[in-house]
Amino acid sequence: MENNKLDFKPSLYDDRKIRELNMADRLTKAINGQSIRFVSDTTGYHPETVRRYLQSGSTIPADFVGQVVNKFEAGSHYLLTGEQDASGALELGQLSTANLINELGRRLSMIEDCAVGSVLVHKMQ
């Protein structure tokens, strides 16, 4: 007698649905609490379409993701993968003003040090 045991595995559809829900969550974070009407006006998509993308996890087209990236200064790598940039660098939209000012100060200091070092080297020659 044959073993008629069924082997249930998650379908590809289930995995896709989970990815779409995760992307909808990331898009919701990217629009930073804006209303569906505001997102609709900003991206050019109908409000019901925006609502469906953000709330139901339906398939989200790349053009809509691109609009969110451009209009809301969201990080494209994070929106698409759910991970920070591969280099580990944070995108500007995710940094606080204080962190941006500190980084600007650090870089200006580095430029000043390079300029002073360059002047010293050139005077000695």
PDB file of N, CA and C in Angstrom:
ATOM      1  N   MET A   1       0.830  -1.171   0.000  1.00  0.00           N
ATOM      2  CA  MET A   1       0.000   0.000   0.000  1.00  0.00           C
ATOM      3  C   MET A   1       0.885   1.247   0.000  1.00  0.00           C
ATOM      4  N   GLU A   2       0.544   2.171  -0.873  1.00  0.00           N
ATOM      5  CA  GLU A   2       1.331   3.399  -1.010  1.00  0.00           C
ATOM      6  C   GLU A   2       1.019   4.386   0.108  1.00  0.00           C
ATOM      7  N   ASN A   3       2.021   5.188   0.425  1.00  0.00           N
ATOM      8  CA  ASN A   3       1.841   6.239   1.411  1.00  0.00           C
ATOM      9  C   ASN A   3       1.257   7.470   0.704  1.00  0.00           C
ATOM     10  N   ASN A   4       0.012   7.798   0.982  1.00  0.00           N
ATOM     11  CA  ASN A   4      -0.665   8.917   0.333  1.00  0.00           C
ATOM     12  C   ASN A   4      -0.573  10.201   1.153  1.00  0.00           C
ATOM     13  N   LYS A   5       0.483  10.336   1.889  1.00  0.00           N
ATOM     14  CA  LYS A   5       0.665  11.515   2.730  1.00  0.00           C
ATOM     15  C   LYS A   5       0.924  12.744   1.850  1.00  0.00           C
ATOM     16  N   LEU A   6       0.213  13.805   2.130  1.00  0.00           N
ATOM     17  CA  LEU A   6       0.407  15.051   1.404  1.00  0.00           C
ATOM     18  C   LEU A   6       1.463  15.888   2.098  1.00  0.00           C
ATOM     19  N   ASP A   7       2.321  16.494   1.314  1.00  0.00           N
ATOM     20  CA  ASP A   7       3.372  17.344   1.846  1.00  0.00           C
ATOM     21  C   ASP A   7       2.998  18.794   1.552  1.00  0.00           C
ATOM     22  N   PHE A   8       2.593  19.524   2.584  1.00  0.00           N
ATOM     23  CA  PHE A   8       2.193  20.913   2.400  1.00  0.00           C
ATOM     24  C   PHE A   8       3.400  21.824   2.558  1.00  0.00           C
ATOM     25  N   LYS A   9       3.620  22.634   1.548  1.00  0.00           N
ATOM     26  CA  LYS A   9       4.695  23.613   1.577  1.00  0.00           C
ATOM     27  C   LYS A   9       4.077  24.982   1.308  1.00  0.00           C
ATOM     28  N   PRO A  10       4.665  26.027   1.876  1.00  0.00           N
ATOM     29  CA  PRO A  10       4.144  27.355   1.563  1.00  0.00           C
ATOM     30  C   PRO A  10       4.283  27.616   0.069  1.00  0.00           C
ATOM     31  N   SER A  11       3.286  28.220  -0.485  1.00  0.00           N
ATOM     32  CA  SER A  11       3.332  28.493  -1.914  1.00  0.00           C
ATOM     33  C   SER A  11       4.110  29.764  -2.193  1.00  0.00           C
ATOM     34  N   LEU A  12       4.505  29.924  -3.430  1.00  0.00           N
ATOM     35  CA  LEU A  12       5.190  31.129  -3.863  1.00  0.00           C
ATOM     36  C   LEU A  12       4.283  32.334  -3.637  1.00  0.00           C
ATOM     37  N   TYR A  13       2.988  32.137  -3.788  1.00  0.00           N
ATOM     38  CA  TYR A  13       2.025  33.216  -3.560  1.00  0.00           C
ATOM     39  C   TYR A  13       2.116  33.729  -2.129  1.00  0.00           C
ATOM     40  N   ASP A  14       2.236  32.837  -1.154  1.00  0.00           N
ATOM     41  CA  ASP A  14       2.333  33.241   0.246  1.00  0.00           C
ATOM     42  C   ASP A  14       3.568  34.109   0.486  1.00  0.00           C
ATOM     43  N   ASP A  15       4.706  33.704  -0.088  1.00  0.00           N
ATOM     44  CA  ASP A  15       5.937  34.480   0.057  1.00  0.00           C
ATOM     45  C   ASP A  15       5.787  35.858  -0.574  1.00  0.00           C
ATOM     46  N   ARG A  16       5.175  35.921  -1.737  1.00  0.00           N
ATOM     47  CA  ARG A  16       4.986  37.198  -2.417  1.00  0.00           C
ATOM     48  C   ARG A  16       4.072  38.109  -1.597  1.00  0.00           C
ATOM     49  N   LYS A  17       3.029  37.543  -1.036  1.00  0.00           N
ATOM     50  CA  LYS A  17       2.089  38.326  -0.226  1.00  0.00           C
ATOM     51  C   LYS A  17       2.809  38.917   0.989  1.00  0.00           C
ATOM     52  N   ILE A  18       3.658  38.148   1.624  1.00  0.00           N
ATOM     53  CA  ILE A  18       4.419  38.627   2.780  1.00  0.00           C
ATOM     54  C   ILE A  18       5.352  39.763   2.358  1.00  0.00           C
ATOM     55  N   ARG A  19       6.051  39.599   1.221  1.00  0.00           N
ATOM     56  CA  ARG A  19       6.947  40.655   0.735  1.00  0.00           C
ATOM     57  C   ARG A  19       6.178  41.935   0.429  1.00  0.00           C
ATOM     58  N   GLU A  20       4.991  41.798  -0.172  1.00  0.00           N
ATOM     59  CA  GLU A  20       4.192  42.979  -0.501  1.00  0.00           C
ATOM     60  C   GLU A  20       3.691  43.681   0.757  1.00  0.00           C
ATOM     61  N   LEU A  21       3.304  42.925   1.767  1.00  0.00           N
ATOM     62  CA  LEU A  21       2.883  43.530   3.028  1.00  0.00           C
ATOM     63  C   LEU A  21       4.051  44.248   3.696  1.00  0.00           C
ATOM     64  N   ASN A  22       5.243  43.647   3.642  1.00  0.00           N
ATOM     65  CA  ASN A  22       6.423  44.287   4.216  1.00  0.00           C
ATOM     66  C   ASN A  22       6.745  45.588   3.475  1.00  0.00           C
ATOM     67  N   MET A  23       6.625  45.571   2.137  1.00  0.00           N
ATOM     68  CA  MET A  23       6.887  46.786   1.370  1.00  0.00           C
ATOM     69  C   MET A  23       5.840  47.848   1.709  1.00  0.00           C
ATOM     70  N   ALA A  24       4.592  47.444   1.875  1.00  0.00           N
ATOM     71  CA  ALA A  24       3.546  48.404   2.244  1.00  0.00           C
ATOM     72  C   ALA A  24       3.868  49.046   3.586  1.00  0.00           C
ATOM     73  N   ASP A  25       4.381  48.269   4.533  1.00  0.00           N
ATOM     74  CA  ASP A  25       4.788  48.816   5.839  1.00  0.00           C
ATOM     75  C   ASP A  25       5.912  49.828   5.673  1.00  0.00           C
ATOM     76  N   ARG A  26       6.904  49.498   4.842  1.00  0.00           N
ATOM     77  CA  ARG A  26       8.028  50.414   4.629  1.00  0.00           C
ATOM     78  C   ARG A  26       7.568  51.688   3.920  1.00  0.00           C
ATOM     79  N   LEU A  27       6.647  51.545   2.959  1.00  0.00           N
ATOM     80  CA  LEU A  27       6.119  52.725   2.275  1.00  0.00           C
ATOM     81  C   LEU A  27       5.348  53.612   3.247  1.00  0.00           C
ATOM     82  N   THR A  28       4.585  53.000   4.136  1.00  0.00           N
ATOM     83  CA  THR A  28       3.836  53.758   5.138  1.00  0.00           C
ATOM     84  C   THR A  28       4.793  54.551   6.019  1.00  0.00           C
ATOM     85  N   LYS A  29       5.909  53.946   6.406  1.00  0.00           N
ATOM     86  CA  LYS A  29       6.912  54.665   7.197  1.00  0.00           C
ATOM     87  C   LYS A  29       7.529  55.797   6.382  1.00  0.00           C
ATOM     88  N   ALA A  30       7.752  55.544   5.095  1.00  0.00           N
ATOM     89  CA  ALA A  30       8.411  56.532   4.239  1.00  0.00           C
ATOM     90  C   ALA A  30       7.557  57.787   4.037  1.00  0.00           C
ATOM     91  N   ILE A  31       6.236  57.628   3.998  1.00  0.00           N
ATOM     92  CA  ILE A  31       5.386  58.807   3.787  1.00  0.00           C
ATOM     93  C   ILE A  31       5.181  59.591   5.078  1.00  0.00           C
ATOM     94  N   ASN A  32       5.673  59.046   6.171  1.00  0.00           N
ATOM     95  CA  ASN A  32       5.790  59.779   7.431  1.00  0.00           C
ATOM     96  C   ASN A  32       4.473  60.373   7.920  1.00  0.00           C
ATOM     97  N   GLY A  33       3.428  59.563   7.956  1.00  0.00           N
ATOM     98  CA  GLY A  33       2.165  59.986   8.535  1.00  0.00           C
ATOM     99  C   GLY A  33       1.301  60.889   7.671  1.00  0.00           C
ATOM    100  N   GLN A  34       1.693  61.086   6.420  1.00  0.00           N
ATOM    101  CA  GLN A  34       0.890  61.914   5.525  1.00  0.00           C
ATOM    102  C   GLN A  34      -0.416  61.208   5.187  1.00  0.00           C
ATOM    103  N   SER A  35      -1.438  61.970   4.869  1.00  0.00           N
ATOM    104  CA  SER A  35      -2.736  61.389   4.526  1.00  0.00           C
ATOM    105  C   SER A  35      -2.684  60.736   3.147  1.00  0.00           C
ATOM    106  N   ILE A  36      -3.604  59.827   2.932  1.00  0.00           N
ATOM    107  CA  ILE A  36      -3.688  59.168   1.627  1.00  0.00           C
ATOM    108  C   ILE A  36      -3.963  60.205   0.546  1.00  0.00           C
ATOM    109  N   ARG A  37      -4.783  61.197   0.848  1.00  0.00           N
ATOM    110  CA  ARG A  37      -5.078  62.264  -0.125  1.00  0.00           C
ATOM    111  C   ARG A  37      -3.805  63.018  -0.493  1.00  0.00           C
ATOM    112  N   PHE A  38      -2.978  63.353   0.504  1.00  0.00           N
ATOM    113  CA  PHE A  38      -1.726  64.070   0.249  1.00  0.00           C
ATOM    114  C   PHE A  38      -0.792  63.215  -0.611  1.00  0.00           C
ATOM    115  N   VAL A  39      -0.667  61.931  -0.260  1.00  0.00           N
ATOM    116  CA  VAL A  39       0.192  61.033  -1.036  1.00  0.00           C
ATOM    117  C   VAL A  39      -0.338  60.926  -2.460  1.00  0.00           C
ATOM    118  N   SER A  40      -1.652  60.852  -2.603  1.00  0.00           N
ATOM    119  CA  SER A  40      -2.275  60.782  -3.917  1.00  0.00           C
ATOM    120  C   SER A  40      -1.953  62.022  -4.748  1.00  0.00           C
ATOM    121  N   ASP A  41      -2.137  63.187  -4.159  1.00  0.00           N
ATOM    122  CA  ASP A  41      -1.846  64.431  -4.872  1.00  0.00           C
ATOM    123  C   ASP A  41      -0.370  64.543  -5.231  1.00  0.00           C
ATOM    124  N   THR A  42       0.489  64.092  -4.341  1.00  0.00           N
ATOM    125  CA  THR A  42       1.930  64.208  -4.537  1.00  0.00           C
ATOM    126  C   THR A  42       2.454  63.237  -5.603  1.00  0.00           C
ATOM    127  N   THR A  43       1.930  62.009  -5.593  1.00  0.00           N
ATOM    128  CA  THR A  43       2.441  60.990  -6.522  1.00  0.00           C
ATOM    129  C   THR A  43       1.672  60.931  -7.833  1.00  0.00           C
ATOM    130  N   GLY A  44       0.461  61.490  -7.854  1.00  0.00           N
ATOM    131  CA  GLY A  44      -0.341  61.430  -9.072  1.00  0.00           C
ATOM    132  C   GLY A  44      -1.174  60.168  -9.199  1.00  0.00           C
ATOM    133  N   TYR A  45      -1.248  59.380  -8.146  1.00  0.00           N
ATOM    134  CA  TYR A  45      -2.056  58.155  -8.143  1.00  0.00           C
ATOM    135  C   TYR A  45      -3.405  58.439  -7.496  1.00  0.00           C
ATOM    136  N   HIS A  46      -4.428  57.737  -7.941  1.00  0.00           N
ATOM    137  CA  HIS A  46      -5.768  57.880  -7.385  1.00  0.00           C
ATOM    138  C   HIS A  46      -5.737  57.495  -5.900  1.00  0.00           C
ATOM    139  N   PRO A  47      -6.491  58.209  -5.040  1.00  0.00           N
ATOM    140  CA  PRO A  47      -6.473  57.919  -3.601  1.00  0.00           C
ATOM    141  C   PRO A  47      -6.808  56.466  -3.257  1.00  0.00           C
ATOM    142  N   GLU A  48      -7.756  55.874  -3.955  1.00  0.00           N
ATOM    143  CA  GLU A  48      -8.117  54.479  -3.669  1.00  0.00           C
ATOM    144  C   GLU A  48      -6.961  53.538  -4.022  1.00  0.00           C
ATOM    145  N   THR A  49      -6.240  53.857  -5.070  1.00  0.00           N
ATOM    146  CA  THR A  49      -5.076  53.046  -5.459  1.00  0.00           C
ATOM    147  C   THR A  49      -3.994  53.150  -4.391  1.00  0.00           C
ATOM    148  N   VAL A  50      -3.749  54.361  -3.914  1.00  0.00           N
ATOM    149  CA  VAL A  50      -2.746  54.568  -2.852  1.00  0.00           C
ATOM    150  C   VAL A  50      -3.157  53.803  -1.601  1.00  0.00           C
ATOM    151  N   ARG A  51      -4.424  53.900  -1.224  1.00  0.00           N
ATOM    152  CA  ARG A  51      -4.911  53.186  -0.050  1.00  0.00           C
ATOM    153  C   ARG A  51      -4.693  51.686  -0.194  1.00  0.00           C
ATOM    154  N   ARG A  52      -4.984  51.162  -1.369  1.00  0.00           N
ATOM    155  CA  ARG A  52      -4.816  49.726  -1.617  1.00  0.00           C
ATOM    156  C   ARG A  52      -3.340  49.329  -1.497  1.00  0.00           C
ATOM    157  N   TYR A  53      -2.450  50.147  -2.039  1.00  0.00           N
ATOM    158  CA  TYR A  53      -1.014  49.846  -1.949  1.00  0.00           C
ATOM    159  C   TYR A  53      -0.530  49.858  -0.502  1.00  0.00           C
ATOM    160  N   LEU A  54      -1.009  50.819   0.268  1.00  0.00           N
ATOM    161  CA  LEU A  54      -0.498  50.994   1.632  1.00  0.00           C
ATOM    162  C   LEU A  54      -1.168  50.101   2.664  1.00  0.00           C
ATOM    163  N   GLN A  55      -2.391  49.662   2.410  1.00  0.00           N
ATOM    164  CA  GLN A  55      -3.121  48.944   3.439  1.00  0.00           C
ATOM    165  C   GLN A  55      -3.378  47.479   3.145  1.00  0.00           C
ATOM    166  N   SER A  56      -3.506  47.106   1.900  1.00  0.00           N
ATOM    167  CA  SER A  56      -3.896  45.724   1.632  1.00  0.00           C
ATOM    168  C   SER A  56      -2.744  44.841   1.177  1.00  0.00           C
ATOM    169  N   GLY A  57      -1.610  45.433   0.881  1.00  0.00           N
ATOM    170  CA  GLY A  57      -0.485  44.622   0.441  1.00  0.00           C
ATOM    171  C   GLY A  57      -0.643  44.100  -0.967  1.00  0.00           C
ATOM    172  N   SER A  58      -1.444  44.789  -1.793  1.00  0.00           N
ATOM    173  CA  SER A  58      -1.575  44.353  -3.183  1.00  0.00           C
ATOM    174  C   SER A  58      -0.256  44.640  -3.903  1.00  0.00           C
ATOM    175  N   THR A  59      -0.114  44.107  -5.077  1.00  0.00           N
ATOM    176  CA  THR A  59       1.125  44.295  -5.835  1.00  0.00           C
ATOM    177  C   THR A  59       1.367  45.787  -6.045  1.00  0.00           C
ATOM    178  N   ILE A  60       2.555  46.241  -5.682  1.00  0.00           N
ATOM    179  CA  ILE A  60       2.902  47.656  -5.745  1.00  0.00           C
ATOM    180  C   ILE A  60       3.851  47.861  -6.924  1.00  0.00           C
ATOM    181  N   PRO A  61       3.461  48.671  -7.910  1.00  0.00           N
ATOM    182  CA  PRO A  61       4.323  48.857  -9.079  1.00  0.00           C
ATOM    183  C   PRO A  61       5.568  49.675  -8.761  1.00  0.00           C
ATOM    184  N   ALA A  62       6.614  49.422  -9.514  1.00  0.00           N
ATOM    185  CA  ALA A  62       7.887  50.114  -9.319  1.00  0.00           C
ATOM    186  C   ALA A  62       7.731  51.619  -9.504  1.00  0.00           C
ATOM    187  N   ASP A  63       6.838  52.052 -10.400  1.00  0.00           N
ATOM    188  CA  ASP A  63       6.648  53.477 -10.631  1.00  0.00           C
ATOM    189  C   ASP A  63       6.149  54.179  -9.369  1.00  0.00           C
ATOM    190  N   PHE A  64       5.252  53.538  -8.631  1.00  0.00           N
ATOM    191  CA  PHE A  64       4.751  54.130  -7.392  1.00  0.00           C
ATOM    192  C   PHE A  64       5.876  54.223  -6.361  1.00  0.00           C
ATOM    193  N   VAL A  65       6.664  53.173  -6.243  1.00  0.00           N
ATOM    194  CA  VAL A  65       7.798  53.187  -5.315  1.00  0.00           C
ATOM    195  C   VAL A  65       8.762  54.314  -5.703  1.00  0.00           C
ATOM    196  N   GLY A  66       8.991  54.461  -7.007  1.00  0.00           N
ATOM    197  CA  GLY A  66       9.860  55.534  -7.491  1.00  0.00           C
ATOM    198  C   GLY A  66       9.323  56.912  -7.138  1.00  0.00           C
ATOM    199  N   GLN A  67       8.007  57.088  -7.248  1.00  0.00           N
ATOM    200  CA  GLN A  67       7.392  58.363  -6.883  1.00  0.00           C
ATOM    201  C   GLN A  67       7.588  58.656  -5.390  1.00  0.00           C
ATOM    202  N   VAL A  68       7.418  57.638  -4.556  1.00  0.00           N
ATOM    203  CA  VAL A  68       7.610  57.820  -3.109  1.00  0.00           C
ATOM    204  C   VAL A  68       9.068  58.173  -2.817  1.00  0.00           C
ATOM    205  N   VAL A  69      10.000  57.493  -3.480  1.00  0.00           N
ATOM    206  CA  VAL A  69      11.425  57.778  -3.288  1.00  0.00           C
ATOM    207  C   VAL A  69      11.719  59.233  -3.650  1.00  0.00           C
ATOM    208  N   ASN A  70      11.206  59.687  -4.793  1.00  0.00           N
ATOM    209  CA  ASN A  70      11.494  61.047  -5.255  1.00  0.00           C
ATOM    210  C   ASN A  70      10.762  62.118  -4.464  1.00  0.00           C
ATOM    211  N   LYS A  71       9.499  61.923  -4.206  1.00  0.00           N
ATOM    212  CA  LYS A  71       8.683  62.971  -3.593  1.00  0.00           C
ATOM    213  C   LYS A  71       8.839  63.049  -2.077  1.00  0.00           C
ATOM    214  N   PHE A  72       9.157  61.917  -1.446  1.00  0.00           N
ATOM    215  CA  PHE A  72       9.251  61.897   0.014  1.00  0.00           C
ATOM    216  C   PHE A  72      10.682  61.680   0.498  1.00  0.00           C
ATOM    217  N   GLU A  73      11.638  61.728  -0.429  1.00  0.00           N
ATOM    218  CA  GLU A  73      13.055  61.557  -0.114  1.00  0.00           C
ATOM    219  C   GLU A  73      13.300  60.307   0.717  1.00  0.00           C
ATOM    220  N   ALA A  74      12.664  59.236   0.299  1.00  0.00           N
ATOM    221  CA  ALA A  74      12.810  57.959   0.999  1.00  0.00           C
ATOM    222  C   ALA A  74      14.006  57.204   0.426  1.00  0.00           C
ATOM    223  N   GLY A  75      14.568  56.303   1.214  1.00  0.00           N
ATOM    224  CA  GLY A  75      15.694  55.496   0.764  1.00  0.00           C
ATOM    225  C   GLY A  75      15.231  54.343  -0.117  1.00  0.00           C
ATOM    226  N   SER A  76      15.670  54.339  -1.355  1.00  0.00           N
ATOM    227  CA  SER A  76      15.219  53.310  -2.300  1.00  0.00           C
ATOM    228  C   SER A  76      15.693  51.918  -1.892  1.00  0.00           C
ATOM    229  N   HIS A  77      16.924  51.800  -1.430  1.00  0.00           N
ATOM    230  CA  HIS A  77      17.437  50.481  -1.052  1.00  0.00           C
ATOM    231  C   HIS A  77      16.616  49.913   0.107  1.00  0.00           C
ATOM    232  N   TYR A  78      16.324  50.747   1.083  1.00  0.00           N
ATOM    233  CA  TYR A  78      15.525  50.301   2.219  1.00  0.00           C
ATOM    234  C   TYR A  78      14.109  49.922   1.786  1.00  0.00           C
ATOM    235  N   LEU A  79      13.489  50.739   0.943  1.00  0.00           N
ATOM    236  CA  LEU A  79      12.124  50.432   0.505  1.00  0.00           C
ATOM    237  C   LEU A  79      12.057  49.109  -0.243  1.00  0.00           C
ATOM    238  N   LEU A  80      13.034  48.854  -1.074  1.00  0.00           N
ATOM    239  CA  LEU A  80      12.991  47.643  -1.892  1.00  0.00           C
ATOM    240  C   LEU A  80      13.408  46.380  -1.147  1.00  0.00           C
ATOM    241  N   THR A  81      14.353  46.494  -0.239  1.00  0.00           N
ATOM    242  CA  THR A  81      14.895  45.295   0.402  1.00  0.00           C
ATOM    243  C   THR A  81      14.570  45.184   1.885  1.00  0.00           C
ATOM    244  N   GLY A  82      14.262  46.296   2.518  1.00  0.00           N
ATOM    245  CA  GLY A  82      14.036  46.287   3.954  1.00  0.00           C
ATOM    246  C   GLY A  82      15.316  46.352   4.751  1.00  0.00           C
ATOM    247  N   GLU A  83      16.430  46.527   4.071  1.00  0.00           N
ATOM    248  CA  GLU A  83      17.736  46.597   4.725  1.00  0.00           C
ATOM    249  C   GLU A  83      18.351  47.968   4.489  1.00  0.00           C
ATOM    250  N   GLN A  84      19.247  48.355   5.385  1.00  0.00           N
ATOM    251  CA  GLN A  84      19.987  49.588   5.175  1.00  0.00           C
ATOM    252  C   GLN A  84      20.896  49.406   3.966  1.00  0.00           C
ATOM    253  N   ASP A  85      21.418  50.500   3.464  1.00  0.00           N
ATOM    254  CA  ASP A  85      22.336  50.470   2.328  1.00  0.00           C
ATOM    255  C   ASP A  85      23.447  49.447   2.586  1.00  0.00           C
ATOM    256  N   ALA A  86      23.851  48.738   1.547  1.00  0.00           N
ATOM    257  CA  ALA A  86      24.840  47.672   1.683  1.00  0.00           C
ATOM    258  C   ALA A  86      26.141  48.175   2.313  1.00  0.00           C
ATOM    259  N   SER A  87      26.478  49.442   2.111  1.00  0.00           N
ATOM    260  CA  SER A  87      27.708  49.979   2.687  1.00  0.00           C
ATOM    261  C   SER A  87      27.555  50.268   4.170  1.00  0.00           C
ATOM    262  N   GLY A  88      26.316  50.167   4.679  1.00  0.00           N
ATOM    263  CA  GLY A  88      26.076  50.434   6.087  1.00  0.00           C
ATOM    264  C   GLY A  88      25.785  51.900   6.360  1.00  0.00           C
ATOM    265  N   ALA A  89      25.873  52.733   5.324  1.00  0.00           N
ATOM    266  CA  ALA A  89      25.615  54.156   5.501  1.00  0.00           C
ATOM    267  C   ALA A  89      24.116  54.409   5.570  1.00  0.00           C
ATOM    268  N   LEU A  90      23.732  55.304   6.424  1.00  0.00           N
ATOM    269  CA  LEU A  90      22.325  55.687   6.503  1.00  0.00           C
ATOM    270  C   LEU A  90      22.009  56.677   5.398  1.00  0.00           C
ATOM    271  N   GLU A  91      20.810  56.650   4.913  1.00  0.00           N
ATOM    272  CA  GLU A  91      20.399  57.599   3.898  1.00  0.00           C
ATOM    273  C   GLU A  91      19.964  58.879   4.584  1.00  0.00           C
ATOM    274  N   LEU A  92      20.048  60.001   3.882  1.00  0.00           N
ATOM    275  CA  LEU A  92      19.797  61.298   4.488  1.00  0.00           C
ATOM    276  C   LEU A  92      18.422  61.395   5.117  1.00  0.00           C
ATOM    277  N   GLY A  93      17.422  60.783   4.518  1.00  0.00           N
ATOM    278  CA  GLY A  93      16.074  60.858   5.059  1.00  0.00           C
ATOM    279  C   GLY A  93      15.925  60.195   6.412  1.00  0.00           C
ATOM    280  N   GLN A  94      16.883  59.375   6.801  1.00  0.00           N
ATOM    281  CA  GLN A  94      16.796  58.652   8.057  1.00  0.00           C
ATOM    282  C   GLN A  94      17.667  59.261   9.150  1.00  0.00           C
ATOM    283  N   LEU A  95      18.369  60.355   8.852  1.00  0.00           N
ATOM    284  CA  LEU A  95      19.247  60.984   9.829  1.00  0.00           C
ATOM    285  C   LEU A  95      18.552  62.166  10.493  1.00  0.00           C
ATOM    286  N   SER A  96      18.853  62.366  11.748  1.00  0.00           N
ATOM    287  CA  SER A  96      18.303  63.524  12.448  1.00  0.00           C
ATOM    288  C   SER A  96      19.103  64.763  12.066  1.00  0.00           C
ATOM    289  N   THR A  97      18.532  65.919  12.317  1.00  0.00           N
ATOM    290  CA  THR A  97      19.213  67.178  12.018  1.00  0.00           C
ATOM    291  C   THR A  97      20.514  67.286  12.812  1.00  0.00           C
ATOM    292  N   ALA A  98      20.489  66.870  14.058  1.00  0.00           N
ATOM    293  CA  ALA A  98      21.698  66.946  14.894  1.00  0.00           C
ATOM    294  C   ALA A  98      22.810  66.077  14.305  1.00  0.00           C
ATOM    295  N   ASN A  99      22.468  64.881  13.840  1.00  0.00           N
ATOM    296  CA  ASN A  99      23.475  64.008  13.242  1.00  0.00           C
ATOM    297  C   ASN A  99      24.026  64.608  11.952  1.00  0.00           C
ATOM    298  N   LEU A 100      23.162  65.231  11.151  1.00  0.00           N
ATOM    299  CA  LEU A 100      23.623  65.871   9.917  1.00  0.00           C
ATOM    300  C   LEU A 100      24.581  67.020  10.217  1.00  0.00           C
ATOM    301  N   ILE A 101      24.262  67.824  11.217  1.00  0.00           N
ATOM    302  CA  ILE A 101      25.126  68.954  11.581  1.00  0.00           C
ATOM    303  C   ILE A 101      26.460  68.441  12.112  1.00  0.00           C
ATOM    304  N   ASN A 102      26.438  67.409  12.937  1.00  0.00           N
ATOM    305  CA  ASN A 102      27.688  66.835  13.446  1.00  0.00           C
ATOM    306  C   ASN A 102      28.546  66.293  12.311  1.00  0.00           C
ATOM    307  N   GLU A 103      27.923  65.611  11.367  1.00  0.00           N
ATOM    308  CA  GLU A 103      28.677  65.067  10.235  1.00  0.00           C
ATOM    309  C   GLU A 103      29.242  66.182   9.370  1.00  0.00           C
ATOM    310  N   LEU A 104      28.475  67.232   9.149  1.00  0.00           N
ATOM    311  CA  LEU A 104      28.963  68.384   8.386  1.00  0.00           C
ATOM    312  C   LEU A 104      30.166  69.003   9.077  1.00  0.00           C
ATOM    313  N   GLY A 105      30.081  69.179  10.391  1.00  0.00           N
ATOM    314  CA  GLY A 105      31.211  69.732  11.142  1.00  0.00           C
ATOM    315  C   GLY A 105      32.447  68.848  11.049  1.00  0.00           C
ATOM    316  N   ARG A 106      32.253  67.551  11.147  1.00  0.00           N
ATOM    317  CA  ARG A 106      33.382  66.616  11.048  1.00  0.00           C
ATOM    318  C   ARG A 106      34.051  66.714   9.681  1.00  0.00           C
ATOM    319  N   ARG A 107      33.244  66.791   8.650  1.00  0.00           N
ATOM    320  CA  ARG A 107      33.816  66.860   7.292  1.00  0.00           C
ATOM    321  C   ARG A 107      34.499  68.197   7.033  1.00  0.00           C
ATOM    322  N   LEU A 108      33.934  69.285   7.540  1.00  0.00           N
ATOM    323  CA  LEU A 108      34.593  70.581   7.389  1.00  0.00           C
ATOM    324  C   LEU A 108      35.942  70.590   8.098  1.00  0.00           C
ATOM    325  N   SER A 109      35.979  69.984   9.262  1.00  0.00           N
ATOM    326  CA  SER A 109      37.238  69.888  10.008  1.00  0.00           C
ATOM    327  C   SER A 109      38.279  69.099   9.210  1.00  0.00           C
ATOM    328  N   MET A 110      37.839  68.024   8.588  1.00  0.00           N
ATOM    329  CA  MET A 110      38.764  67.230   7.768  1.00  0.00           C
ATOM    330  C   MET A 110      39.288  68.053   6.595  1.00  0.00           C
ATOM    331  N   ILE A 111      38.413  68.824   5.959  1.00  0.00           N
ATOM    332  CA  ILE A 111      38.829  69.653   4.822  1.00  0.00           C
ATOM    333  C   ILE A 111      39.819  70.714   5.272  1.00  0.00           C
ATOM    334  N   GLU A 112      39.555  71.347   6.426  1.00  0.00           N
ATOM    335  CA  GLU A 112      40.475  72.347   6.971  1.00  0.00           C
ATOM    336  C   GLU A 112      41.836  71.732   7.270  1.00  0.00           C
ATOM    337  N   ASP A 113      41.843  70.535   7.877  1.00  0.00           N
ATOM    338  CA  ASP A 113      43.105  69.859   8.188  1.00  0.00           C
ATOM    339  C   ASP A 113      43.880  69.559   6.913  1.00  0.00           C
ATOM    340  N   CYS A 114      43.187  69.146   5.884  1.00  0.00           N
ATOM    341  CA  CYS A 114      43.854  68.851   4.605  1.00  0.00           C
ATOM    342  C   CYS A 114      44.423  70.125   3.997  1.00  0.00           C
ATOM    343  N   ALA A 115      43.656  71.222   4.066  1.00  0.00           N
ATOM    344  CA  ALA A 115      44.118  72.488   3.507  1.00  0.00           C
ATOM    345  C   ALA A 115      45.346  73.002   4.251  1.00  0.00           C
ATOM    346  N   VAL A 116      45.347  72.946   5.585  1.00  0.00           N
ATOM    347  CA  VAL A 116      46.482  73.378   6.387  1.00  0.00           C
ATOM    348  C   VAL A 116      47.690  72.492   6.081  1.00  0.00           C
ATOM    349  N   GLY A 117      47.479  71.206   6.014  1.00  0.00           N
ATOM    350  CA  GLY A 117      48.577  70.289   5.685  1.00  0.00           C
ATOM    351  C   GLY A 117      49.146  70.559   4.307  1.00  0.00           C
ATOM    352  N   SER A 118      48.299  70.884   3.360  1.00  0.00           N
ATOM    353  CA  SER A 118      48.741  71.178   2.008  1.00  0.00           C
ATOM    354  C   SER A 118      49.582  72.439   1.972  1.00  0.00           C
ATOM    355  N   VAL A 119      49.170  73.464   2.711  1.00  0.00           N
ATOM    356  CA  VAL A 119      49.929  74.714   2.756  1.00  0.00           C
ATOM    357  C   VAL A 119      51.290  74.466   3.374  1.00  0.00           C
ATOM    358  N   LEU A 120      51.364  73.713   4.460  1.00  0.00           N
ATOM    359  CA  LEU A 120      52.627  73.413   5.120  1.00  0.00           C
ATOM    360  C   LEU A 120      53.559  72.647   4.213  1.00  0.00           C
ATOM    361  N   VAL A 121      53.045  71.695   3.471  1.00  0.00           N
ATOM    362  CA  VAL A 121      53.872  70.889   2.567  1.00  0.00           C
ATOM    363  C   VAL A 121      54.412  71.755   1.457  1.00  0.00           C
ATOM    364  N   HIS A 122      53.568  72.614   0.892  1.00  0.00           N
ATOM    365  CA  HIS A 122      53.996  73.445  -0.242  1.00  0.00           C
ATOM    366  C   HIS A 122      54.984  74.536   0.181  1.00  0.00           C
ATOM    367  N   LYS A 123      54.896  75.039   1.394  1.00  0.00           N
ATOM    368  CA  LYS A 123      55.825  76.065   1.874  1.00  0.00           C
ATOM    369  C   LYS A 123      57.208  75.470   2.109  1.00  0.00           C
ATOM    370  N   MET A 124      57.279  74.213   2.492  1.00  0.00           N
ATOM    371  CA  MET A 124      58.549  73.579   2.810  1.00  0.00           C
ATOM    372  C   MET A 124      59.340  73.253   1.547  1.00  0.00           C
ATOM    373  N   GLN A 125      58.699  73.100   0.446  1.00  0.00           N
ATOM    374  CA  GLN A 125      59.397  72.679  -0.800  1.00  0.00           C
ATOM    375  C   GLN A 125      60.146  73.799  -1.441  1.00  0.00           C
TER     376      GLN A 125
END
